[in-house]
Amino acid sequence: ADCALNAAPADDHRFAEICEAEGLFSNDRPVVGFNVNSYVDAFVRKDGKTFGRENLVELYAQTVDRTIEDLDVDVIFIETQHMDMGIANEVLAKIKNSHSVRLVTNKKYSYRDICSVLQRLDLFVGMRTHSLILSSAMGIPPVGIVTYPKNRGYMRTIGLEKNLIEFRDLSVDRYTEIIRTAFANREKIREEMIPNVSREKEKARDTAGYLEKYF
């Protein structure tokens, strides 16, 4: 159980400041978050072959465009690791529906700021494990790629392994279909997810308690 599960979002006043600064949630359309990872498939390769950074950039851009067009949503890229900004900017440069896309990054905002944005999303699509953890901790169902074994482990723990895709199965069609299905069922998924996340939050609090006597 990760301590990030018990992260607290910034207050409503701070959230309003972020929205004004970044142009977030400016209309009544649903909003889907995305997160991309510069490691690509480095931690899950088994045969020495790589999916490839350029392939991932192209696939992500096409997936975002199709998500915007098929679901009539806005998109916020939420990057939780400085080193991912390079690949995030490459993806952003290729998205055709750029008018519907915004960016929030931990180079500019704190984790509490980021959590305040995450909790207002309708769905989150991520690669970094902590992006999946934070979105689910904020009550927002995540979808993801198995970038590391720990992604699979965490999503299995909260009952959402079905929302993951392996690199060997990754395509625009398949990824978009998983996103579309999760979006359509997001309220039901959320209801089923919350008890599992609450259990993990309690485990994380208990773990911190074990260390209290050493401080």
C-alpha atoms as a PDB file:
ATOM      1  CA  ALA A   1       0.000   0.000   0.000  1.00  0.00           C
ATOM      2  CA  ASP A   2       1.571   3.241  -1.196  1.00  0.00           C
ATOM      3  CA  CYS A   3       1.602   6.372   0.969  1.00  0.00           C
ATOM      4  CA  ALA A   4       0.454   8.381  -2.076  1.00  0.00           C
ATOM      5  CA  LEU A   5      -2.969   6.786  -1.610  1.00  0.00           C
ATOM      6  CA  ASN A   6      -3.608   9.197   1.255  1.00  0.00           C
ATOM      7  CA  ALA A   7      -2.587  12.325  -0.617  1.00  0.00           C
ATOM      8  CA  ALA A   8      -4.968  15.235  -0.031  1.00  0.00           C
ATOM      9  CA  PRO A   9      -6.050  17.557  -2.852  1.00  0.00           C
ATOM     10  CA  ALA A  10      -5.620  21.319  -2.719  1.00  0.00           C
ATOM     11  CA  ASP A  11      -8.664  23.297  -1.614  1.00  0.00           C
ATOM     12  CA  ASP A  12     -11.312  24.733  -3.929  1.00  0.00           C
ATOM     13  CA  HIS A  13      -9.739  28.192  -3.963  1.00  0.00           C
ATOM     14  CA  ARG A  14      -6.416  26.820  -5.156  1.00  0.00           C
ATOM     15  CA  PHE A  15      -8.184  24.616  -7.706  1.00  0.00           C
ATOM     16  CA  ALA A  16      -9.955  27.681  -9.110  1.00  0.00           C
ATOM     17  CA  GLU A  17      -6.584  29.449  -9.441  1.00  0.00           C
ATOM     18  CA  ILE A  18      -5.165  26.508 -11.400  1.00  0.00           C
ATOM     19  CA  CYS A  19      -8.197  26.367 -13.683  1.00  0.00           C
ATOM     20  CA  GLU A  20      -7.921  30.069 -14.443  1.00  0.00           C
ATOM     21  CA  ALA A  21      -4.182  29.856 -15.113  1.00  0.00           C
ATOM     22  CA  GLU A  22      -4.384  26.793 -17.378  1.00  0.00           C
ATOM     23  CA  GLY A  23      -7.827  27.151 -18.945  1.00  0.00           C
ATOM     24  CA  LEU A  24      -9.171  23.940 -17.416  1.00  0.00           C
ATOM     25  CA  PHE A  25     -12.801  22.782 -17.217  1.00  0.00           C
ATOM     26  CA  SER A  26     -13.936  25.832 -19.172  1.00  0.00           C
ATOM     27  CA  ASN A  27     -17.087  24.221 -20.597  1.00  0.00           C
ATOM     28  CA  ASP A  28     -19.567  21.478 -19.749  1.00  0.00           C
ATOM     29  CA  ARG A  29     -17.854  18.689 -21.673  1.00  0.00           C
ATOM     30  CA  PRO A  30     -16.517  15.657 -19.776  1.00  0.00           C
ATOM     31  CA  VAL A  31     -12.751  15.628 -19.254  1.00  0.00           C
ATOM     32  CA  VAL A  32     -10.362  12.668 -19.618  1.00  0.00           C
ATOM     33  CA  GLY A  33      -6.828  12.789 -18.219  1.00  0.00           C
ATOM     34  CA  PHE A  34      -3.815  11.255 -19.971  1.00  0.00           C
ATOM     35  CA  ASN A  35      -0.282  10.506 -18.772  1.00  0.00           C
ATOM     36  CA  VAL A  36       2.644   9.278 -20.900  1.00  0.00           C
ATOM     37  CA  ASN A  37       5.935   7.770 -19.699  1.00  0.00           C
ATOM     38  CA  SER A  38       9.377   8.250 -21.260  1.00  0.00           C
ATOM     39  CA  TYR A  39      10.485   4.717 -20.249  1.00  0.00           C
ATOM     40  CA  VAL A  40       8.074   3.277 -22.859  1.00  0.00           C
ATOM     41  CA  ASP A  41       8.422  -0.525 -22.404  1.00  0.00           C
ATOM     42  CA  ALA A  42      11.961  -0.627 -20.939  1.00  0.00           C
ATOM     43  CA  PHE A  43      10.875  -2.565 -17.828  1.00  0.00           C
ATOM     44  CA  VAL A  44       8.646  -5.149 -19.485  1.00  0.00           C
ATOM     45  CA  ARG A  45      10.589  -6.226 -22.594  1.00  0.00           C
ATOM     46  CA  LYS A  46      11.194  -9.949 -22.753  1.00  0.00           C
ATOM     47  CA  ASP A  47      12.602 -10.614 -26.214  1.00  0.00           C
ATOM     48  CA  GLY A  48      14.896  -7.595 -26.585  1.00  0.00           C
ATOM     49  CA  LYS A  49      12.531  -5.906 -29.026  1.00  0.00           C
ATOM     50  CA  THR A  50      11.082  -2.545 -28.102  1.00  0.00           C
ATOM     51  CA  PHE A  51       7.732  -1.003 -28.907  1.00  0.00           C
ATOM     52  CA  GLY A  52       9.660   2.156 -29.721  1.00  0.00           C
ATOM     53  CA  ARG A  53       9.390   5.747 -28.548  1.00  0.00           C
ATOM     54  CA  GLU A  54       8.284   7.071 -31.945  1.00  0.00           C
ATOM     55  CA  ASN A  55       5.600   4.397 -32.207  1.00  0.00           C
ATOM     56  CA  LEU A  56       4.299   5.248 -28.735  1.00  0.00           C
ATOM     57  CA  VAL A  57       4.205   8.989 -29.498  1.00  0.00           C
ATOM     58  CA  GLU A  58       2.229   8.373 -32.684  1.00  0.00           C
ATOM     59  CA  LEU A  59      -0.104   5.893 -31.005  1.00  0.00           C
ATOM     60  CA  TYR A  60      -0.771   8.226 -28.068  1.00  0.00           C
ATOM     61  CA  ALA A  61      -1.518  11.199 -30.303  1.00  0.00           C
ATOM     62  CA  GLN A  62      -3.932   9.176 -32.430  1.00  0.00           C
ATOM     63  CA  THR A  63      -5.582   7.698 -29.341  1.00  0.00           C
ATOM     64  CA  VAL A  64      -6.123  11.147 -27.818  1.00  0.00           C
ATOM     65  CA  ASP A  65      -7.585  12.475 -31.069  1.00  0.00           C
ATOM     66  CA  ARG A  66      -9.939   9.530 -31.384  1.00  0.00           C
ATOM     67  CA  THR A  67     -10.961   9.824 -27.726  1.00  0.00           C
ATOM     68  CA  ILE A  68     -11.798  13.501 -28.166  1.00  0.00           C
ATOM     69  CA  GLU A  69     -13.787  12.855 -31.352  1.00  0.00           C
ATOM     70  CA  ASP A  70     -15.584   9.652 -30.305  1.00  0.00           C
ATOM     71  CA  LEU A  71     -16.496  10.668 -26.748  1.00  0.00           C
ATOM     72  CA  ASP A  72     -16.872  14.450 -27.236  1.00  0.00           C
ATOM     73  CA  VAL A  73     -14.510  15.217 -24.351  1.00  0.00           C
ATOM     74  CA  ASP A  74     -11.699  17.568 -23.455  1.00  0.00           C
ATOM     75  CA  VAL A  75      -8.300  16.173 -22.439  1.00  0.00           C
ATOM     76  CA  ILE A  76      -5.791  17.198 -19.787  1.00  0.00           C
ATOM     77  CA  PHE A  77      -2.297  15.730 -19.903  1.00  0.00           C
ATOM     78  CA  ILE A  78      -1.176  15.275 -16.301  1.00  0.00           C
ATOM     79  CA  GLU A  79       2.533  14.579 -15.986  1.00  0.00           C
ATOM     80  CA  THR A  80       3.728  13.519 -12.528  1.00  0.00           C
ATOM     81  CA  GLN A  81       7.448  13.134 -13.334  1.00  0.00           C
ATOM     82  CA  HIS A  82       9.732  15.870 -14.730  1.00  0.00           C
ATOM     83  CA  MET A  83      11.586  13.475 -17.003  1.00  0.00           C
ATOM     84  CA  ASP A  84       8.397  12.658 -18.932  1.00  0.00           C
ATOM     85  CA  MET A  85       7.940  16.185 -20.250  1.00  0.00           C
ATOM     86  CA  GLY A  86      10.010  15.486 -23.359  1.00  0.00           C
ATOM     87  CA  ILE A  87       7.805  12.683 -24.608  1.00  0.00           C
ATOM     88  CA  ALA A  88       4.662  14.493 -23.442  1.00  0.00           C
ATOM     89  CA  ASN A  89       5.551  17.501 -25.589  1.00  0.00           C
ATOM     90  CA  GLU A  90       6.228  15.209 -28.550  1.00  0.00           C
ATOM     91  CA  VAL A  91       2.744  13.724 -28.187  1.00  0.00           C
ATOM     92  CA  LEU A  92       1.120  17.134 -27.737  1.00  0.00           C
ATOM     93  CA  ALA A  93       2.775  18.391 -30.928  1.00  0.00           C
ATOM     94  CA  LYS A  94       1.139  15.592 -32.954  1.00  0.00           C
ATOM     95  CA  ILE A  95      -2.420  15.892 -31.607  1.00  0.00           C
ATOM     96  CA  LYS A  96      -4.756  17.364 -34.222  1.00  0.00           C
ATOM     97  CA  ASN A  97      -7.443  18.447 -31.752  1.00  0.00           C
ATOM     98  CA  SER A  98      -4.990  20.556 -29.772  1.00  0.00           C
ATOM     99  CA  HIS A  99      -7.709  23.133 -28.980  1.00  0.00           C
ATOM    100  CA  SER A 100      -9.286  20.509 -26.692  1.00  0.00           C
ATOM    101  CA  VAL A 101      -6.059  19.620 -24.840  1.00  0.00           C
ATOM    102  CA  ARG A 102      -4.392  21.206 -21.813  1.00  0.00           C
ATOM    103  CA  LEU A 103      -1.281  20.322 -19.769  1.00  0.00           C
ATOM    104  CA  VAL A 104      -0.677  20.161 -16.010  1.00  0.00           C
ATOM    105  CA  THR A 105       2.769  19.119 -14.796  1.00  0.00           C
ATOM    106  CA  ASN A 106       4.610  18.702 -11.526  1.00  0.00           C
ATOM    107  CA  LYS A 107       7.307  21.007 -12.887  1.00  0.00           C
ATOM    108  CA  LYS A 108       4.834  23.782 -12.092  1.00  0.00           C
ATOM    109  CA  TYR A 109       2.319  22.317  -9.639  1.00  0.00           C
ATOM    110  CA  SER A 110       2.492  20.410  -6.348  1.00  0.00           C
ATOM    111  CA  TYR A 111       1.072  16.931  -5.865  1.00  0.00           C
ATOM    112  CA  ARG A 112      -1.875  18.479  -3.986  1.00  0.00           C
ATOM    113  CA  ASP A 113      -2.548  20.774  -6.930  1.00  0.00           C
ATOM    114  CA  ILE A 114      -2.422  17.807  -9.285  1.00  0.00           C
ATOM    115  CA  CYS A 115      -4.782  15.818  -7.054  1.00  0.00           C
ATOM    116  CA  SER A 116      -7.289  18.670  -7.120  1.00  0.00           C
ATOM    117  CA  VAL A 117      -7.359  18.408 -10.916  1.00  0.00           C
ATOM    118  CA  LEU A 118      -7.458  14.605 -10.942  1.00  0.00           C
ATOM    119  CA  GLN A 119     -10.524  14.443  -8.704  1.00  0.00           C
ATOM    120  CA  ARG A 120     -12.559  16.497 -11.219  1.00  0.00           C
ATOM    121  CA  LEU A 121     -11.866  14.173 -14.174  1.00  0.00           C
ATOM    122  CA  ASP A 122     -14.328  11.664 -15.591  1.00  0.00           C
ATOM    123  CA  LEU A 123     -11.619   9.079 -16.413  1.00  0.00           C
ATOM    124  CA  PHE A 124      -7.829   8.871 -16.270  1.00  0.00           C
ATOM    125  CA  VAL A 125      -5.526   7.095 -18.740  1.00  0.00           C
ATOM    126  CA  GLY A 126      -1.987   6.678 -17.416  1.00  0.00           C
ATOM    127  CA  MET A 127       1.368   4.931 -17.652  1.00  0.00           C
ATOM    128  CA  ARG A 128       3.199   6.052 -14.496  1.00  0.00           C
ATOM    129  CA  THR A 129       2.231   3.897 -11.513  1.00  0.00           C
ATOM    130  CA  HIS A 130       1.807   6.918  -9.258  1.00  0.00           C
ATOM    131  CA  SER A 131      -0.507   8.560 -11.758  1.00  0.00           C
ATOM    132  CA  LEU A 132      -2.756   5.486 -11.516  1.00  0.00           C
ATOM    133  CA  ILE A 133      -2.502   5.506  -7.727  1.00  0.00           C
ATOM    134  CA  LEU A 134      -3.308   9.206  -7.403  1.00  0.00           C
ATOM    135  CA  SER A 135      -6.248   9.115  -9.802  1.00  0.00           C
ATOM    136  CA  SER A 136      -7.823   6.143  -8.038  1.00  0.00           C
ATOM    137  CA  ALA A 137      -7.124   7.757  -4.645  1.00  0.00           C
ATOM    138  CA  MET A 138      -9.130  10.737  -5.872  1.00  0.00           C
ATOM    139  CA  GLY A 139     -11.982   8.410  -6.816  1.00  0.00           C
ATOM    140  CA  ILE A 140     -11.370   8.524 -10.571  1.00  0.00           C
ATOM    141  CA  PRO A 141     -11.192   5.173 -12.425  1.00  0.00           C
ATOM    142  CA  PRO A 142      -7.850   4.665 -14.185  1.00  0.00           C
ATOM    143  CA  VAL A 143      -7.014   2.921 -17.455  1.00  0.00           C
ATOM    144  CA  GLY A 144      -3.410   2.074 -18.226  1.00  0.00           C
ATOM    145  CA  ILE A 145      -0.620   0.273 -20.024  1.00  0.00           C
ATOM    146  CA  VAL A 146       1.476  -2.351 -18.239  1.00  0.00           C
ATOM    147  CA  THR A 147       4.617  -0.206 -18.229  1.00  0.00           C
ATOM    148  CA  TYR A 148       5.965  -2.003 -15.160  1.00  0.00           C
ATOM    149  CA  PRO A 149       4.869  -5.139 -13.289  1.00  0.00           C
ATOM    150  CA  LYS A 150       3.808  -2.848 -10.423  1.00  0.00           C
ATOM    151  CA  ASN A 151       1.128  -1.300 -12.654  1.00  0.00           C
ATOM    152  CA  ARG A 152      -0.445  -4.720 -13.003  1.00  0.00           C
ATOM    153  CA  GLY A 153      -0.032  -5.414  -9.283  1.00  0.00           C
ATOM    154  CA  TYR A 154      -1.709  -2.186  -8.217  1.00  0.00           C
ATOM    155  CA  MET A 155      -4.581  -2.397 -10.694  1.00  0.00           C
ATOM    156  CA  ARG A 156      -5.207  -6.012  -9.700  1.00  0.00           C
ATOM    157  CA  THR A 157      -5.313  -4.974  -6.040  1.00  0.00           C
ATOM    158  CA  ILE A 158      -8.089  -2.434  -6.688  1.00  0.00           C
ATOM    159  CA  GLY A 159      -9.988  -4.796  -9.002  1.00  0.00           C
ATOM    160  CA  LEU A 160      -9.213  -3.026 -12.277  1.00  0.00           C
ATOM    161  CA  GLU A 161      -6.767  -5.314 -14.069  1.00  0.00           C
ATOM    162  CA  LYS A 162      -9.290  -5.436 -16.934  1.00  0.00           C
ATOM    163  CA  ASN A 163      -8.535  -1.745 -17.510  1.00  0.00           C
ATOM    164  CA  LEU A 164      -4.925  -2.519 -18.456  1.00  0.00           C
ATOM    165  CA  ILE A 165      -3.367  -3.365 -21.800  1.00  0.00           C
ATOM    166  CA  GLU A 166      -0.037  -5.087 -22.497  1.00  0.00           C
ATOM    167  CA  PHE A 167       2.419  -3.609 -24.981  1.00  0.00           C
ATOM    168  CA  ARG A 168       2.094  -6.734 -27.124  1.00  0.00           C
ATOM    169  CA  ASP A 169      -1.614  -5.944 -27.557  1.00  0.00           C
ATOM    170  CA  LEU A 170      -1.253  -2.176 -27.846  1.00  0.00           C
ATOM    171  CA  SER A 171      -2.852  -0.489 -30.850  1.00  0.00           C
ATOM    172  CA  VAL A 172      -4.933   2.629 -31.352  1.00  0.00           C
ATOM    173  CA  ASP A 173      -8.050   0.529 -31.918  1.00  0.00           C
ATOM    174  CA  ARG A 174      -7.557  -1.664 -28.855  1.00  0.00           C
ATOM    175  CA  TYR A 175      -6.489   1.136 -26.514  1.00  0.00           C
ATOM    176  CA  THR A 176      -9.352   3.353 -27.613  1.00  0.00           C
ATOM    177  CA  GLU A 177     -11.825   0.529 -27.103  1.00  0.00           C
ATOM    178  CA  ILE A 178     -10.663   0.005 -23.506  1.00  0.00           C
ATOM    179  CA  ILE A 179     -10.937   3.757 -22.875  1.00  0.00           C
ATOM    180  CA  ARG A 180     -14.384   3.921 -24.481  1.00  0.00           C
ATOM    181  CA  THR A 181     -15.678   0.984 -22.434  1.00  0.00           C
ATOM    182  CA  ALA A 182     -14.293   2.381 -19.177  1.00  0.00           C
ATOM    183  CA  PHE A 183     -15.741   5.817 -19.941  1.00  0.00           C
ATOM    184  CA  ALA A 184     -19.193   4.384 -20.627  1.00  0.00           C
ATOM    185  CA  ASN A 185     -19.114   2.409 -17.365  1.00  0.00           C
ATOM    186  CA  ARG A 186     -17.172   4.886 -15.243  1.00  0.00           C
ATOM    187  CA  GLU A 187     -19.793   5.316 -12.508  1.00  0.00           C
ATOM    188  CA  LYS A 188     -20.199   1.580 -11.994  1.00  0.00           C
ATOM    189  CA  ILE A 189     -16.418   1.079 -12.065  1.00  0.00           C
ATOM    190  CA  ARG A 190     -15.991   3.858  -9.516  1.00  0.00           C
ATOM    191  CA  GLU A 191     -18.523   2.312  -7.134  1.00  0.00           C
ATOM    192  CA  GLU A 192     -16.752  -1.049  -7.316  1.00  0.00           C
ATOM    193  CA  MET A 193     -13.287   0.515  -7.020  1.00  0.00           C
ATOM    194  CA  ILE A 194     -13.837   2.786  -3.995  1.00  0.00           C
ATOM    195  CA  PRO A 195     -14.029   0.024  -1.324  1.00  0.00           C
ATOM    196  CA  ASN A 196     -10.819  -1.539  -2.623  1.00  0.00           C
ATOM    197  CA  VAL A 197      -9.014   1.804  -2.645  1.00  0.00           C
ATOM    198  CA  SER A 198     -10.307   2.588   0.853  1.00  0.00           C
ATOM    199  CA  ARG A 199      -8.865  -0.716   2.079  1.00  0.00           C
ATOM    200  CA  GLU A 200      -5.470   0.148   0.577  1.00  0.00           C
ATOM    201  CA  LYS A 201      -5.589   3.627   2.106  1.00  0.00           C
ATOM    202  CA  GLU A 202      -6.099   2.077   5.527  1.00  0.00           C
ATOM    203  CA  LYS A 203      -3.167  -0.283   4.964  1.00  0.00           C
ATOM    204  CA  ALA A 204      -0.982   2.675   4.007  1.00  0.00           C
ATOM    205  CA  ARG A 205      -1.965   4.533   7.189  1.00  0.00           C
ATOM    206  CA  ASP A 206      -1.246   1.445   9.287  1.00  0.00           C
ATOM    207  CA  THR A 207       2.175   1.072   7.695  1.00  0.00           C
ATOM    208  CA  ALA A 208       3.087   4.638   8.641  1.00  0.00           C
ATOM    209  CA  GLY A 209       1.954   3.882  12.185  1.00  0.00           C
ATOM    210  CA  TYR A 210       4.422   1.026  12.491  1.00  0.00           C
ATOM    211  CA  LEU A 211       7.264   3.513  11.979  1.00  0.00           C
ATOM    212  CA  GLU A 212       5.982   6.160  14.369  1.00  0.00           C
ATOM    213  CA  LYS A 213       8.005   4.929  17.333  1.00  0.00           C
ATOM    214  CA  TYR A 214      11.248   5.506  15.416  1.00  0.00           C
ATOM    215  CA  PHE A 215      10.653   9.229  15.009  1.00  0.00           C
END
